[in-house]
C-alpha atoms as a PDB file:
ATOM      1  CA  UNK A   1     -74.138  53.981  72.743  1.00  0.00           C
ATOM      2  CA  UNK A   2     -73.395  57.700  73.019  1.00  0.00           C
ATOM      3  CA  UNK A   3     -71.714  57.155  76.393  1.00  0.00           C
ATOM      4  CA  UNK A   4     -69.729  54.054  75.407  1.00  0.00           C
ATOM      5  CA  UNK A   5     -66.344  55.730  74.983  1.00  0.00           C
ATOM      6  CA  UNK A   6     -66.577  58.077  77.962  1.00  0.00           C
ATOM      7  CA  UNK A   7     -67.734  55.276  80.265  1.00  0.00           C
ATOM      8  CA  UNK A   8     -64.873  53.069  79.109  1.00  0.00           C
ATOM      9  CA  UNK A   9     -62.354  55.799  79.917  1.00  0.00           C
ATOM     10  CA  UNK A  10     -63.927  56.650  83.280  1.00  0.00           C
ATOM     11  CA  UNK A  11     -64.269  53.006  84.308  1.00  0.00           C
ATOM     12  CA  UNK A  12     -60.626  52.346  83.493  1.00  0.00           C
ATOM     13  CA  UNK A  13     -59.585  55.260  85.726  1.00  0.00           C
ATOM     14  CA  UNK A  14     -61.974  54.159  88.488  1.00  0.00           C
ATOM     15  CA  UNK A  15     -60.611  50.613  88.395  1.00  0.00           C
ATOM     16  CA  UNK A  16     -57.062  51.921  88.787  1.00  0.00           C
ATOM     17  CA  UNK A  17     -57.969  54.094  91.761  1.00  0.00           C
ATOM     18  CA  UNK A  18     -60.325  51.682  93.545  1.00  0.00           C
ATOM     19  CA  UNK A  19     -59.058  48.203  92.759  1.00  0.00           C
ATOM     20  CA  UNK A  20     -62.595  47.199  91.798  1.00  0.00           C
ATOM     21  CA  UNK A  21     -63.463  45.603  88.468  1.00  0.00           C
ATOM     22  CA  UNK A  22     -66.353  46.827  86.340  1.00  0.00           C
ATOM     23  CA  UNK A  23     -67.931  45.044  83.371  1.00  0.00           C
ATOM     24  CA  UNK A  24     -69.759  47.302  80.897  1.00  0.00           C
ATOM     25  CA  UNK A  25     -72.248  46.219  78.261  1.00  0.00           C
ATOM     26  CA  UNK A  26     -72.996  48.925  75.692  1.00  0.00           C
ATOM     27  CA  UNK A  27     -76.247  48.576  73.748  1.00  0.00           C
ATOM     28  CA  UNK A  28     -78.817  50.939  72.266  1.00  0.00           C
ATOM     29  CA  UNK A  29     -80.747  52.986  74.801  1.00  0.00           C
ATOM     30  CA  UNK A  30     -84.133  51.505  73.914  1.00  0.00           C
ATOM     31  CA  UNK A  31     -82.757  47.974  74.313  1.00  0.00           C
ATOM     32  CA  UNK A  32     -81.054  48.841  77.601  1.00  0.00           C
ATOM     33  CA  UNK A  33     -84.208  50.358  79.077  1.00  0.00           C
ATOM     34  CA  UNK A  34     -86.296  47.345  78.002  1.00  0.00           C
ATOM     35  CA  UNK A  35     -83.868  44.904  79.592  1.00  0.00           C
ATOM     36  CA  UNK A  36     -83.818  46.765  82.894  1.00  0.00           C
ATOM     37  CA  UNK A  37     -87.598  47.104  82.784  1.00  0.00           C
ATOM     38  CA  UNK A  38     -87.869  43.338  82.226  1.00  0.00           C
ATOM     39  CA  UNK A  39     -85.943  42.715  85.446  1.00  0.00           C
ATOM     40  CA  UNK A  40     -82.613  41.607  83.988  1.00  0.00           C
ATOM     41  CA  UNK A  41     -79.962  41.931  86.688  1.00  0.00           C
ATOM     42  CA  UNK A  42     -77.638  44.901  86.424  1.00  0.00           C
ATOM     43  CA  UNK A  43     -75.942  46.969  89.118  1.00  0.00           C
ATOM     44  CA  UNK A  44     -76.208  50.308  87.337  1.00  0.00           C
ATOM     45  CA  UNK A  45     -77.652  51.681  84.116  1.00  0.00           C
ATOM     46  CA  UNK A  46     -76.723  54.804  82.152  1.00  0.00           C
ATOM     47  CA  UNK A  47     -79.416  56.276  79.907  1.00  0.00           C
ATOM     48  CA  UNK A  48     -80.955  59.573  78.878  1.00  0.00           C
ATOM     49  CA  UNK A  49     -82.264  61.359  81.967  1.00  0.00           C
ATOM     50  CA  UNK A  50     -85.935  60.885  81.039  1.00  0.00           C
ATOM     51  CA  UNK A  51     -85.453  57.130  80.594  1.00  0.00           C
ATOM     52  CA  UNK A  52     -83.891  56.893  84.058  1.00  0.00           C
ATOM     53  CA  UNK A  53     -86.905  58.736  85.506  1.00  0.00           C
ATOM     54  CA  UNK A  54     -89.260  56.196  83.927  1.00  0.00           C
ATOM     55  CA  UNK A  55     -87.287  53.295  85.399  1.00  0.00           C
ATOM     56  CA  UNK A  56     -87.385  54.948  88.831  1.00  0.00           C
ATOM     57  CA  UNK A  57     -91.157  55.256  88.519  1.00  0.00           C
ATOM     58  CA  UNK A  58     -91.308  51.568  87.577  1.00  0.00           C
ATOM     59  CA  UNK A  59     -89.236  50.662  90.682  1.00  0.00           C
ATOM     60  CA  UNK A  60     -86.382  49.297  88.560  1.00  0.00           C
ATOM     61  CA  UNK A  61     -83.937  51.973  89.750  1.00  0.00           C
ATOM     62  CA  UNK A  62     -83.514  53.011  93.363  1.00  0.00           C
ATOM     63  CA  UNK A  63     -85.284  56.303  94.070  1.00  0.00           C
ATOM     64  CA  UNK A  64     -82.765  58.982  95.002  1.00  0.00           C
ATOM     65  CA  UNK A  65     -79.846  57.203  93.323  1.00  0.00           C
ATOM     66  CA  UNK A  66     -79.996  59.116  90.026  1.00  0.00           C
ATOM     67  CA  UNK A  67     -76.980  61.242  89.136  1.00  0.00           C
ATOM     68  CA  UNK A  68     -76.464  63.311  85.975  1.00  0.00           C
ATOM     69  CA  UNK A  69     -73.178  62.443  84.286  1.00  0.00           C
ATOM     70  CA  UNK A  70     -72.792  64.340  81.005  1.00  0.00           C
ATOM     71  CA  UNK A  71     -74.401  66.794  78.604  1.00  0.00           C
ATOM     72  CA  UNK A  72     -74.177  65.608  75.019  1.00  0.00           C
ATOM     73  CA  UNK A  73     -74.846  67.583  71.850  1.00  0.00           C
ATOM     74  CA  UNK A  74     -75.669  66.614  68.267  1.00  0.00           C
ATOM     75  CA  UNK A  75     -73.246  66.992  65.369  1.00  0.00           C
ATOM     76  CA  UNK A  76     -73.539  66.648  61.596  1.00  0.00           C
ATOM     77  CA  UNK A  77     -71.436  64.299  59.477  1.00  0.00           C
ATOM     78  CA  UNK A  78     -70.832  63.548  55.796  1.00  0.00           C
ATOM     79  CA  UNK A  79     -68.749  60.863  54.118  1.00  0.00           C
ATOM     80  CA  UNK A  80     -65.021  61.573  54.148  1.00  0.00           C
ATOM     81  CA  UNK A  81     -64.096  63.585  51.048  1.00  0.00           C
ATOM     82  CA  UNK A  82     -67.648  64.720  50.340  1.00  0.00           C
ATOM     83  CA  UNK A  83     -68.493  68.423  50.158  1.00  0.00           C
ATOM     84  CA  UNK A  84     -69.265  69.790  53.619  1.00  0.00           C
ATOM     85  CA  UNK A  85     -72.454  71.852  53.824  1.00  0.00           C
ATOM     86  CA  UNK A  86     -72.773  75.132  55.658  1.00  0.00           C
ATOM     87  CA  UNK A  87     -74.349  74.452  59.079  1.00  0.00           C
ATOM     88  CA  UNK A  88     -73.431  77.697  60.813  1.00  0.00           C
ATOM     89  CA  UNK A  89     -77.029  78.906  61.182  1.00  0.00           C
ATOM     90  CA  UNK A  90     -80.495  77.421  61.538  1.00  0.00           C
ATOM     91  CA  UNK A  91     -81.385  78.460  57.981  1.00  0.00           C
ATOM     92  CA  UNK A  92     -78.168  76.906  56.666  1.00  0.00           C
ATOM     93  CA  UNK A  93     -78.952  73.573  58.323  1.00  0.00           C
ATOM     94  CA  UNK A  94     -82.467  73.658  56.881  1.00  0.00           C
ATOM     95  CA  UNK A  95     -81.035  74.228  53.401  1.00  0.00           C
ATOM     96  CA  UNK A  96     -78.531  71.405  53.883  1.00  0.00           C
ATOM     97  CA  UNK A  97     -81.305  69.006  54.904  1.00  0.00           C
ATOM     98  CA  UNK A  98     -83.432  69.981  51.907  1.00  0.00           C
ATOM     99  CA  UNK A  99     -80.462  69.538  49.553  1.00  0.00           C
ATOM    100  CA  UNK A 100     -79.426  66.110  50.888  1.00  0.00           C
ATOM    101  CA  UNK A 101     -80.414  63.030  48.892  1.00  0.00           C
ATOM    102  CA  UNK A 102     -80.557  60.939  52.071  1.00  0.00           C
ATOM    103  CA  UNK A 103     -80.638  61.757  55.789  1.00  0.00           C
ATOM    104  CA  UNK A 104     -80.299  59.696  58.936  1.00  0.00           C
ATOM    105  CA  UNK A 105     -80.551  60.419  62.641  1.00  0.00           C
ATOM    106  CA  UNK A 106     -80.671  58.427  65.849  1.00  0.00           C
ATOM    107  CA  UNK A 107     -83.768  56.738  67.243  1.00  0.00           C
ATOM    108  CA  UNK A 108     -83.082  58.153  70.712  1.00  0.00           C
ATOM    109  CA  UNK A 109     -84.192  61.430  72.319  1.00  0.00           C
ATOM    110  CA  UNK A 110     -82.046  63.570  70.011  1.00  0.00           C
ATOM    111  CA  UNK A 111     -83.583  61.929  66.949  1.00  0.00           C
ATOM    112  CA  UNK A 112     -87.089  62.591  68.227  1.00  0.00           C
ATOM    113  CA  UNK A 113     -86.177  66.231  68.825  1.00  0.00           C
ATOM    114  CA  UNK A 114     -84.730  66.485  65.322  1.00  0.00           C
ATOM    115  CA  UNK A 115     -87.913  65.057  63.803  1.00  0.00           C
ATOM    116  CA  UNK A 116     -89.910  67.713  65.665  1.00  0.00           C
ATOM    117  CA  UNK A 117     -87.540  70.367  64.304  1.00  0.00           C
ATOM    118  CA  UNK A 118     -88.212  69.187  60.746  1.00  0.00           C
ATOM    119  CA  UNK A 119     -91.940  69.418  61.472  1.00  0.00           C
ATOM    120  CA  UNK A 120     -91.536  72.954  62.820  1.00  0.00           C
ATOM    121  CA  UNK A 121     -89.668  73.878  59.653  1.00  0.00           C
ATOM    122  CA  UNK A 122     -92.548  72.469  57.602  1.00  0.00           C
ATOM    123  CA  UNK A 123     -90.332  70.048  55.651  1.00  0.00           C
ATOM    124  CA  UNK A 124     -91.113  66.732  57.371  1.00  0.00           C
ATOM    125  CA  UNK A 125     -93.355  65.430  54.596  1.00  0.00           C
ATOM    126  CA  UNK A 126     -91.032  66.662  51.855  1.00  0.00           C
ATOM    127  CA  UNK A 127     -88.016  64.751  53.194  1.00  0.00           C
ATOM    128  CA  UNK A 128     -89.847  61.707  54.571  1.00  0.00           C
ATOM    129  CA  UNK A 129     -88.863  59.507  51.630  1.00  0.00           C
ATOM    130  CA  UNK A 130     -85.190  60.405  52.105  1.00  0.00           C
ATOM    131  CA  UNK A 131     -84.969  59.409  55.772  1.00  0.00           C
ATOM    132  CA  UNK A 132     -82.869  56.283  56.335  1.00  0.00           C
ATOM    133  CA  UNK A 133     -83.407  54.575  59.692  1.00  0.00           C
ATOM    134  CA  UNK A 134     -80.293  53.049  61.199  1.00  0.00           C
ATOM    135  CA  UNK A 135     -80.829  49.415  62.254  1.00  0.00           C
ATOM    136  CA  UNK A 136     -80.591  48.759  66.026  1.00  0.00           C
ATOM    137  CA  UNK A 137     -76.982  48.943  67.190  1.00  0.00           C
ATOM    138  CA  UNK A 138     -75.722  50.475  63.919  1.00  0.00           C
ATOM    139  CA  UNK A 139     -74.429  54.047  64.347  1.00  0.00           C
ATOM    140  CA  UNK A 140     -75.669  56.666  61.911  1.00  0.00           C
ATOM    141  CA  UNK A 141     -72.029  57.446  61.157  1.00  0.00           C
ATOM    142  CA  UNK A 142     -71.500  53.913  59.875  1.00  0.00           C
ATOM    143  CA  UNK A 143     -74.223  54.435  57.277  1.00  0.00           C
ATOM    144  CA  UNK A 144     -72.580  57.715  56.296  1.00  0.00           C
ATOM    145  CA  UNK A 145     -69.166  56.034  55.992  1.00  0.00           C
ATOM    146  CA  UNK A 146     -70.645  53.319  53.746  1.00  0.00           C
ATOM    147  CA  UNK A 147     -72.129  55.933  51.449  1.00  0.00           C
ATOM    148  CA  UNK A 148     -75.678  54.824  52.272  1.00  0.00           C
ATOM    149  CA  UNK A 149     -76.512  58.203  53.826  1.00  0.00           C
ATOM    150  CA  UNK A 150     -75.410  61.623  52.626  1.00  0.00           C
ATOM    151  CA  UNK A 151     -76.141  63.656  55.776  1.00  0.00           C
ATOM    152  CA  UNK A 152     -76.034  62.144  59.262  1.00  0.00           C
ATOM    153  CA  UNK A 153     -77.065  63.603  62.615  1.00  0.00           C
ATOM    154  CA  UNK A 154     -75.954  61.981  65.857  1.00  0.00           C
ATOM    155  CA  UNK A 155     -74.305  62.623  69.194  1.00  0.00           C
ATOM    156  CA  UNK A 156     -70.819  64.057  68.634  1.00  0.00           C
ATOM    157  CA  UNK A 157     -69.407  61.361  70.930  1.00  0.00           C
ATOM    158  CA  UNK A 158     -70.686  58.661  68.564  1.00  0.00           C
ATOM    159  CA  UNK A 159     -69.335  60.327  65.423  1.00  0.00           C
ATOM    160  CA  UNK A 160     -65.938  61.628  66.449  1.00  0.00           C
ATOM    161  CA  UNK A 161     -64.113  58.268  66.538  1.00  0.00           C
ATOM    162  CA  UNK A 162     -65.559  56.768  63.348  1.00  0.00           C
ATOM    163  CA  UNK A 163     -63.374  56.372  60.269  1.00  0.00           C
ATOM    164  CA  UNK A 164     -64.679  57.160  56.819  1.00  0.00           C
ATOM    165  CA  UNK A 165     -66.662  60.256  57.808  1.00  0.00           C
ATOM    166  CA  UNK A 166     -66.036  63.956  58.287  1.00  0.00           C
ATOM    167  CA  UNK A 167     -67.688  65.667  61.235  1.00  0.00           C
ATOM    168  CA  UNK A 168     -68.855  68.987  59.776  1.00  0.00           C
ATOM    169  CA  UNK A 169     -69.489  70.385  63.251  1.00  0.00           C
ATOM    170  CA  UNK A 170     -72.088  70.694  65.975  1.00  0.00           C
ATOM    171  CA  UNK A 171     -75.563  72.012  65.321  1.00  0.00           C
ATOM    172  CA  UNK A 172     -75.685  75.800  65.825  1.00  0.00           C
ATOM    173  CA  UNK A 173     -76.723  76.902  69.290  1.00  0.00           C
ATOM    174  CA  UNK A 174     -80.175  78.076  68.148  1.00  0.00           C
ATOM    175  CA  UNK A 175     -81.182  74.488  67.340  1.00  0.00           C
ATOM    176  CA  UNK A 176     -78.664  72.445  69.310  1.00  0.00           C
ATOM    177  CA  UNK A 177     -80.195  69.385  70.964  1.00  0.00           C
ATOM    178  CA  UNK A 178     -78.691  68.570  74.350  1.00  0.00           C
ATOM    179  CA  UNK A 179     -79.238  65.176  75.942  1.00  0.00           C
ATOM    180  CA  UNK A 180     -78.371  64.706  79.602  1.00  0.00           C
ATOM    181  CA  UNK A 181     -77.187  61.186  80.295  1.00  0.00           C
ATOM    182  CA  UNK A 182     -77.736  59.984  83.843  1.00  0.00           C
ATOM    183  CA  UNK A 183     -77.033  56.886  85.890  1.00  0.00           C
ATOM    184  CA  UNK A 184     -78.994  55.073  88.562  1.00  0.00           C
ATOM    185  CA  UNK A 185     -78.520  52.105  90.873  1.00  0.00           C
ATOM    186  CA  UNK A 186     -80.701  49.175  89.824  1.00  0.00           C
ATOM    187  CA  UNK A 187     -83.046  47.873  92.511  1.00  0.00           C
ATOM    188  CA  UNK A 188     -81.777  44.320  92.027  1.00  0.00           C
ATOM    189  CA  UNK A 189     -78.130  45.308  92.516  1.00  0.00           C
ATOM    190  CA  UNK A 190     -76.197  43.488  95.215  1.00  0.00           C
ATOM    191  CA  UNK A 191     -73.309  45.987  95.053  1.00  0.00           C
ATOM    192  CA  UNK A 192     -75.034  49.307  95.612  1.00  0.00           C
ATOM    193  CA  UNK A 193     -72.197  50.751  97.717  1.00  0.00           C
ATOM    194  CA  UNK A 194     -69.611  49.963  95.033  1.00  0.00           C
ATOM    195  CA  UNK A 195     -71.873  51.501  92.383  1.00  0.00           C
ATOM    196  CA  UNK A 196     -72.273  54.676  94.404  1.00  0.00           C
ATOM    197  CA  UNK A 197     -68.506  54.918  94.839  1.00  0.00           C
ATOM    198  CA  UNK A 198     -68.095  54.628  91.075  1.00  0.00           C
ATOM    199  CA  UNK A 199     -70.761  57.257  90.397  1.00  0.00           C
ATOM    200  CA  UNK A 200     -69.145  59.598  92.930  1.00  0.00           C
ATOM    201  CA  UNK A 201     -65.925  59.239  90.934  1.00  0.00           C
ATOM    202  CA  UNK A 202     -67.701  59.790  87.607  1.00  0.00           C
ATOM    203  CA  UNK A 203     -69.284  63.028  88.837  1.00  0.00           C
ATOM    204  CA  UNK A 204     -66.137  64.379  90.482  1.00  0.00           C
ATOM    205  CA  UNK A 205     -64.095  67.254  89.002  1.00  0.00           C
ATOM    206  CA  UNK A 206     -61.314  64.815  88.048  1.00  0.00           C
ATOM    207  CA  UNK A 207     -63.670  63.174  85.533  1.00  0.00           C
ATOM    208  CA  UNK A 208     -64.322  66.403  83.619  1.00  0.00           C
ATOM    209  CA  UNK A 209     -61.378  66.185  81.210  1.00  0.00           C
ATOM    210  CA  UNK A 210     -62.341  62.674  80.097  1.00  0.00           C
ATOM    211  CA  UNK A 211     -65.884  63.834  79.358  1.00  0.00           C
ATOM    212  CA  UNK A 212     -64.618  66.698  77.208  1.00  0.00           C
ATOM    213  CA  UNK A 213     -62.173  64.415  75.386  1.00  0.00           C
ATOM    214  CA  UNK A 214     -65.137  62.294  74.363  1.00  0.00           C
ATOM    215  CA  UNK A 215     -67.150  65.195  72.954  1.00  0.00           C
ATOM    216  CA  UNK A 216     -69.314  65.858  76.004  1.00  0.00           C
ATOM    217  CA  UNK A 217     -69.552  68.301  78.892  1.00  0.00           C
ATOM    218  CA  UNK A 218     -69.937  67.564  82.607  1.00  0.00           C
ATOM    219  CA  UNK A 219     -73.589  67.712  83.646  1.00  0.00           C
END
């Protein structure tokens, strides 16, 4: 879901320049990986880099077809109008987490990294009862907007377009969690050449501005 907006913008530009039509289905990363693994027919899949590697190893993505598209960082959000905590340093973020009545983060790679950070800080057990897991397909920011979660952590690209929340800012560099999202040609694709043309476009310099507009950086 983190790449939904940037892919929509890039696909629209690619369609204009190529005359080809592209249909995108955006679902949670775990669901997407499971569907590709199960053999469902897709031409291309975009997932966290490690998930693409696993699908290559399982012969679901063509070896050598992987390309890195974007680097995506994690941001912090609160409900619109709520006090915004200090998150300028690692210690400040730790204090904000300890002070929050409820916390939510993604179930993807960034969420796993955040959980490890809480363990390193020695606060995992203390805050365990305050962790709210977002249901599949429901952005953390939506829970924040509803008032169900006080402090939300998710990819900036998933938070920046949501109404009802305030993006406090990105995690400080000392603890920033970067996810590289990559693409690969599915082994059951019948349009591999068209996919490669699209991926060439998505990794070209002309795609960089769109990636930055959507809260990401070119990989």
